[in-house]
């Protein structure tokens, strides 16, 4: 598992941007306890994106847990109780203008 995954617990999700034509999805964070600077997690060749916002545990913009389920399946469990699902073979982290796979 990549090292940026550890930065996602308690990170504040600011926006989710999906580029339909390019099939890329960017999750943009305003910061996290381990990284106070804004950063992004970018998924490439996205085939599935599910973004519920029903807030079963109450309103929250913070990440509870990021799960790499294998074979390009990722889950972003939010502290609101919602789970965002992404299916994509490519993932990278971007902070301060640099991206890493």
N, C-alpha and C. Protein backbone atom coordinates (compact mmCIF):
# COMPACT_ATOMS: atom_id res chain seq x y z
N UNK A 1 0.85 -1.18 0.00
CA UNK A 1 0.00 0.00 0.00
C UNK A 1 0.89 1.24 0.00
N UNK A 2 0.48 2.24 -0.75
CA UNK A 2 1.31 3.44 -0.89
C UNK A 2 1.30 4.28 0.37
N UNK A 3 2.37 5.06 0.57
CA UNK A 3 2.56 5.81 1.81
C UNK A 3 1.55 6.93 2.01
N UNK A 4 1.00 7.51 0.94
CA UNK A 4 0.06 8.60 1.11
C UNK A 4 -1.26 8.15 1.74
N UNK A 5 -1.54 6.86 1.71
CA UNK A 5 -2.77 6.34 2.29
C UNK A 5 -2.87 6.73 3.76
N UNK A 6 -1.76 6.72 4.48
CA UNK A 6 -1.75 7.07 5.90
C UNK A 6 -2.19 8.50 6.16
N UNK A 7 -2.04 9.38 5.18
CA UNK A 7 -2.41 10.78 5.34
C UNK A 7 -3.91 11.01 5.24
N UNK A 8 -4.68 10.01 4.86
CA UNK A 8 -6.10 10.22 4.62
C UNK A 8 -6.97 10.17 5.87
N UNK A 9 -6.54 9.50 6.94
CA UNK A 9 -7.35 9.47 8.16
C UNK A 9 -7.49 10.89 8.71
N UNK A 10 -8.72 11.31 8.93
CA UNK A 10 -9.07 12.64 9.42
C UNK A 10 -8.80 13.76 8.41
N UNK A 11 -8.47 13.41 7.17
CA UNK A 11 -8.32 14.44 6.13
C UNK A 11 -9.68 15.05 5.84
N UNK A 12 -9.68 16.32 5.46
CA UNK A 12 -10.92 17.03 5.15
C UNK A 12 -11.14 17.05 3.64
N UNK A 13 -12.17 16.35 3.19
CA UNK A 13 -12.50 16.29 1.77
C UNK A 13 -13.17 17.58 1.35
N UNK A 14 -12.56 18.30 0.41
CA UNK A 14 -13.10 19.58 -0.05
C UNK A 14 -13.97 19.39 -1.29
N UNK A 15 -13.43 18.71 -2.32
CA UNK A 15 -14.17 18.52 -3.56
C UNK A 15 -13.86 17.17 -4.18
N UNK A 16 -14.79 16.72 -5.01
CA UNK A 16 -14.60 15.56 -5.86
C UNK A 16 -14.88 16.04 -7.28
N UNK A 17 -13.90 15.88 -8.17
CA UNK A 17 -14.05 16.34 -9.55
C UNK A 17 -13.86 15.17 -10.50
N UNK A 18 -14.87 14.91 -11.32
CA UNK A 18 -14.80 13.80 -12.27
C UNK A 18 -14.79 14.35 -13.69
N UNK A 19 -13.74 14.02 -14.43
CA UNK A 19 -13.61 14.41 -15.83
C UNK A 19 -14.11 13.24 -16.67
N UNK A 20 -15.32 13.36 -17.16
CA UNK A 20 -15.96 12.25 -17.87
C UNK A 20 -15.15 11.81 -19.08
N UNK A 21 -14.72 12.77 -19.89
CA UNK A 21 -14.00 12.45 -21.13
C UNK A 21 -12.66 11.78 -20.84
N UNK A 22 -11.91 12.30 -19.88
CA UNK A 22 -10.60 11.74 -19.54
C UNK A 22 -10.69 10.54 -18.61
N UNK A 23 -11.86 10.33 -18.00
CA UNK A 23 -12.08 9.25 -17.04
C UNK A 23 -11.13 9.34 -15.85
N UNK A 24 -10.92 10.57 -15.39
CA UNK A 24 -10.12 10.79 -14.18
C UNK A 24 -10.99 11.41 -13.10
N UNK A 25 -10.68 11.07 -11.88
CA UNK A 25 -11.42 11.62 -10.74
C UNK A 25 -10.40 12.10 -9.71
N UNK A 26 -10.55 13.36 -9.30
CA UNK A 26 -9.67 13.95 -8.30
C UNK A 26 -10.42 14.18 -7.01
N UNK A 27 -9.88 13.66 -5.94
CA UNK A 27 -10.39 13.92 -4.61
C UNK A 27 -9.45 14.96 -4.00
N UNK A 28 -9.97 16.15 -3.76
CA UNK A 28 -9.15 17.27 -3.29
C UNK A 28 -9.40 17.50 -1.81
N UNK A 29 -8.32 17.47 -1.05
CA UNK A 29 -8.39 17.61 0.40
C UNK A 29 -7.78 18.93 0.83
N UNK A 30 -8.40 19.56 1.83
CA UNK A 30 -7.87 20.83 2.33
C UNK A 30 -6.75 20.62 3.34
N UNK A 31 -6.52 19.39 3.73
CA UNK A 31 -5.45 19.06 4.65
C UNK A 31 -5.82 17.88 5.52
N UNK A 32 -4.88 17.49 6.36
CA UNK A 32 -5.06 16.37 7.28
C UNK A 32 -4.12 16.59 8.46
N UNK A 33 -4.34 15.91 9.58
CA UNK A 33 -3.45 16.08 10.72
C UNK A 33 -1.97 15.83 10.38
N UNK A 34 -1.70 14.86 9.49
CA UNK A 34 -0.32 14.54 9.13
C UNK A 34 0.21 15.45 8.01
N UNK A 35 -0.68 16.14 7.31
CA UNK A 35 -0.29 17.00 6.20
C UNK A 35 -1.26 18.18 6.17
N UNK A 36 -0.84 19.31 6.72
CA UNK A 36 -1.73 20.46 6.82
C UNK A 36 -1.94 21.16 5.48
N UNK A 37 -1.08 20.88 4.51
CA UNK A 37 -1.21 21.49 3.18
C UNK A 37 -2.26 20.74 2.36
N UNK A 38 -2.93 21.44 1.47
CA UNK A 38 -3.87 20.76 0.56
C UNK A 38 -3.16 19.71 -0.29
N UNK A 39 -3.88 18.65 -0.61
CA UNK A 39 -3.35 17.60 -1.47
C UNK A 39 -4.51 16.94 -2.20
N UNK A 40 -4.17 16.13 -3.21
CA UNK A 40 -5.19 15.44 -4.01
C UNK A 40 -4.81 13.98 -4.18
N UNK A 41 -5.83 13.15 -4.32
CA UNK A 41 -5.67 11.77 -4.73
C UNK A 41 -6.39 11.66 -6.06
N UNK A 42 -5.67 11.22 -7.09
CA UNK A 42 -6.21 11.18 -8.44
C UNK A 42 -6.31 9.74 -8.91
N UNK A 43 -7.48 9.38 -9.42
CA UNK A 43 -7.73 8.06 -9.97
C UNK A 43 -7.82 8.17 -11.48
N UNK A 44 -7.15 7.26 -12.20
CA UNK A 44 -7.16 7.28 -13.65
C UNK A 44 -7.86 6.07 -14.23
N UNK A 45 -8.44 6.25 -15.41
CA UNK A 45 -9.19 5.20 -16.11
C UNK A 45 -10.35 4.68 -15.26
N UNK A 46 -11.08 5.60 -14.65
CA UNK A 46 -12.19 5.27 -13.77
C UNK A 46 -13.31 4.58 -14.54
N UNK A 47 -13.77 3.44 -14.01
CA UNK A 47 -14.91 2.74 -14.61
C UNK A 47 -16.14 2.78 -13.72
N UNK A 48 -15.95 3.14 -12.45
CA UNK A 48 -17.09 3.24 -11.54
C UNK A 48 -16.77 4.25 -10.45
N UNK A 49 -17.78 5.09 -10.17
CA UNK A 49 -17.65 6.08 -9.09
C UNK A 49 -19.01 6.20 -8.43
N UNK A 50 -19.06 5.90 -7.14
CA UNK A 50 -20.30 6.01 -6.37
C UNK A 50 -20.03 6.96 -5.21
N UNK A 51 -20.79 8.06 -5.16
CA UNK A 51 -20.56 9.09 -4.15
C UNK A 51 -21.86 9.36 -3.39
N UNK A 52 -22.18 8.53 -2.39
CA UNK A 52 -23.38 8.79 -1.60
C UNK A 52 -23.14 9.94 -0.62
N UNK A 53 -24.20 10.62 -0.27
CA UNK A 53 -24.11 11.71 0.70
C UNK A 53 -25.38 11.72 1.55
N UNK A 54 -25.64 10.60 2.21
CA UNK A 54 -26.85 10.51 3.03
C UNK A 54 -26.60 10.81 4.50
N UNK A 55 -25.34 10.89 4.93
CA UNK A 55 -24.94 11.25 6.30
C UNK A 55 -25.63 10.43 7.39
N UNK A 56 -25.56 9.08 7.33
CA UNK A 56 -26.24 8.29 8.36
C UNK A 56 -25.72 8.52 9.77
N UNK A 57 -24.46 8.98 9.90
CA UNK A 57 -23.89 9.24 11.23
C UNK A 57 -23.83 10.73 11.53
N UNK A 58 -24.35 11.56 10.63
CA UNK A 58 -24.31 13.00 10.81
C UNK A 58 -23.35 13.64 9.82
N UNK A 59 -23.47 14.92 9.66
CA UNK A 59 -22.67 15.66 8.69
C UNK A 59 -21.19 15.67 9.08
N UNK A 60 -20.32 15.32 8.13
CA UNK A 60 -18.87 15.36 8.36
C UNK A 60 -18.17 15.41 7.02
N UNK A 61 -17.06 16.13 6.96
CA UNK A 61 -16.23 16.17 5.74
C UNK A 61 -14.94 15.39 5.93
N UNK A 62 -14.80 14.69 7.04
CA UNK A 62 -13.55 14.00 7.38
C UNK A 62 -13.57 12.54 6.97
N UNK A 63 -12.39 12.05 6.58
CA UNK A 63 -12.21 10.66 6.20
C UNK A 63 -12.02 9.81 7.45
N UNK A 64 -12.70 8.71 7.51
CA UNK A 64 -12.49 7.74 8.58
C UNK A 64 -11.39 6.76 8.17
N UNK A 65 -11.52 6.21 6.95
CA UNK A 65 -10.57 5.18 6.52
C UNK A 65 -10.56 5.09 5.00
N UNK A 66 -9.37 4.86 4.45
CA UNK A 66 -9.22 4.59 3.03
C UNK A 66 -8.88 3.12 2.89
N UNK A 67 -9.64 2.41 2.05
CA UNK A 67 -9.43 0.97 1.90
C UNK A 67 -9.04 0.64 0.47
N UNK A 68 -7.92 -0.03 0.31
CA UNK A 68 -7.50 -0.58 -0.97
C UNK A 68 -7.97 -2.03 -0.96
N UNK A 69 -9.05 -2.31 -1.70
CA UNK A 69 -9.65 -3.64 -1.69
C UNK A 69 -8.98 -4.58 -2.70
N UNK A 70 -8.01 -4.04 -3.47
CA UNK A 70 -7.31 -4.85 -4.47
C UNK A 70 -8.01 -4.79 -5.82
N UNK A 71 -7.25 -5.10 -6.86
CA UNK A 71 -7.76 -5.14 -8.23
C UNK A 71 -8.43 -3.84 -8.66
N UNK A 72 -7.90 -2.71 -8.19
CA UNK A 72 -8.41 -1.41 -8.62
C UNK A 72 -9.68 -0.95 -7.94
N UNK A 73 -10.06 -1.60 -6.85
CA UNK A 73 -11.27 -1.22 -6.10
C UNK A 73 -10.84 -0.51 -4.83
N UNK A 74 -11.35 0.72 -4.65
CA UNK A 74 -11.01 1.53 -3.48
C UNK A 74 -12.28 2.01 -2.80
N UNK A 75 -12.22 2.12 -1.49
CA UNK A 75 -13.33 2.65 -0.70
C UNK A 75 -12.81 3.77 0.19
N UNK A 76 -13.55 4.84 0.22
CA UNK A 76 -13.23 5.98 1.07
C UNK A 76 -14.37 6.09 2.09
N UNK A 77 -14.15 5.54 3.29
CA UNK A 77 -15.15 5.58 4.34
C UNK A 77 -15.09 6.96 5.00
N UNK A 78 -16.20 7.65 4.98
CA UNK A 78 -16.27 8.99 5.55
C UNK A 78 -16.81 8.91 6.98
N UNK A 79 -16.47 9.90 7.80
CA UNK A 79 -16.96 9.94 9.17
C UNK A 79 -18.44 10.28 9.24
N UNK A 80 -19.05 10.56 8.09
CA UNK A 80 -20.50 10.76 8.01
C UNK A 80 -21.23 9.42 7.96
N UNK A 81 -20.48 8.33 7.75
CA UNK A 81 -21.08 7.02 7.60
C UNK A 81 -21.25 6.60 6.16
N UNK A 82 -20.99 7.51 5.22
CA UNK A 82 -21.07 7.19 3.80
C UNK A 82 -19.77 6.53 3.35
N UNK A 83 -19.86 5.67 2.33
CA UNK A 83 -18.68 5.05 1.74
C UNK A 83 -18.66 5.35 0.26
N UNK A 84 -17.62 6.05 -0.17
CA UNK A 84 -17.42 6.38 -1.57
C UNK A 84 -16.65 5.22 -2.20
N UNK A 85 -17.10 4.78 -3.38
CA UNK A 85 -16.49 3.64 -4.06
C UNK A 85 -15.91 4.11 -5.39
N UNK A 86 -14.66 3.70 -5.65
CA UNK A 86 -13.99 4.03 -6.89
C UNK A 86 -13.40 2.75 -7.47
N UNK A 87 -13.63 2.53 -8.77
CA UNK A 87 -12.97 1.43 -9.47
C UNK A 87 -12.11 2.07 -10.54
N UNK A 88 -10.81 1.91 -10.41
CA UNK A 88 -9.84 2.50 -11.33
C UNK A 88 -8.50 1.79 -11.16
N UNK A 89 -7.82 1.48 -12.26
CA UNK A 89 -6.54 0.79 -12.14
C UNK A 89 -5.37 1.70 -11.75
N UNK A 90 -5.54 3.01 -11.90
CA UNK A 90 -4.43 3.93 -11.63
C UNK A 90 -4.78 4.89 -10.50
N UNK A 91 -3.83 5.10 -9.61
CA UNK A 91 -4.02 6.02 -8.49
C UNK A 91 -2.70 6.77 -8.26
N UNK A 92 -2.83 8.06 -7.95
CA UNK A 92 -1.64 8.85 -7.63
C UNK A 92 -1.98 9.89 -6.58
N UNK A 93 -0.95 10.43 -5.97
CA UNK A 93 -1.06 11.43 -4.91
C UNK A 93 -0.38 12.70 -5.40
N UNK A 94 -1.02 13.84 -5.16
CA UNK A 94 -0.44 15.11 -5.61
C UNK A 94 -0.44 16.11 -4.45
N UNK A 95 0.74 16.63 -4.16
CA UNK A 95 0.91 17.68 -3.16
C UNK A 95 2.01 18.61 -3.63
N UNK A 96 1.81 19.90 -3.45
CA UNK A 96 2.83 20.88 -3.85
C UNK A 96 3.24 20.74 -5.31
N UNK A 97 2.27 20.40 -6.17
CA UNK A 97 2.55 20.34 -7.59
C UNK A 97 3.25 19.10 -8.09
N UNK A 98 3.43 18.09 -7.22
CA UNK A 98 4.07 16.86 -7.68
C UNK A 98 3.13 15.69 -7.51
N UNK A 99 3.22 14.74 -8.42
CA UNK A 99 2.36 13.54 -8.35
C UNK A 99 3.25 12.31 -8.22
N UNK A 100 2.77 11.35 -7.44
CA UNK A 100 3.47 10.07 -7.29
C UNK A 100 2.47 8.95 -7.44
N UNK A 101 2.90 7.86 -7.99
CA UNK A 101 2.01 6.70 -8.17
C UNK A 101 2.16 5.74 -7.02
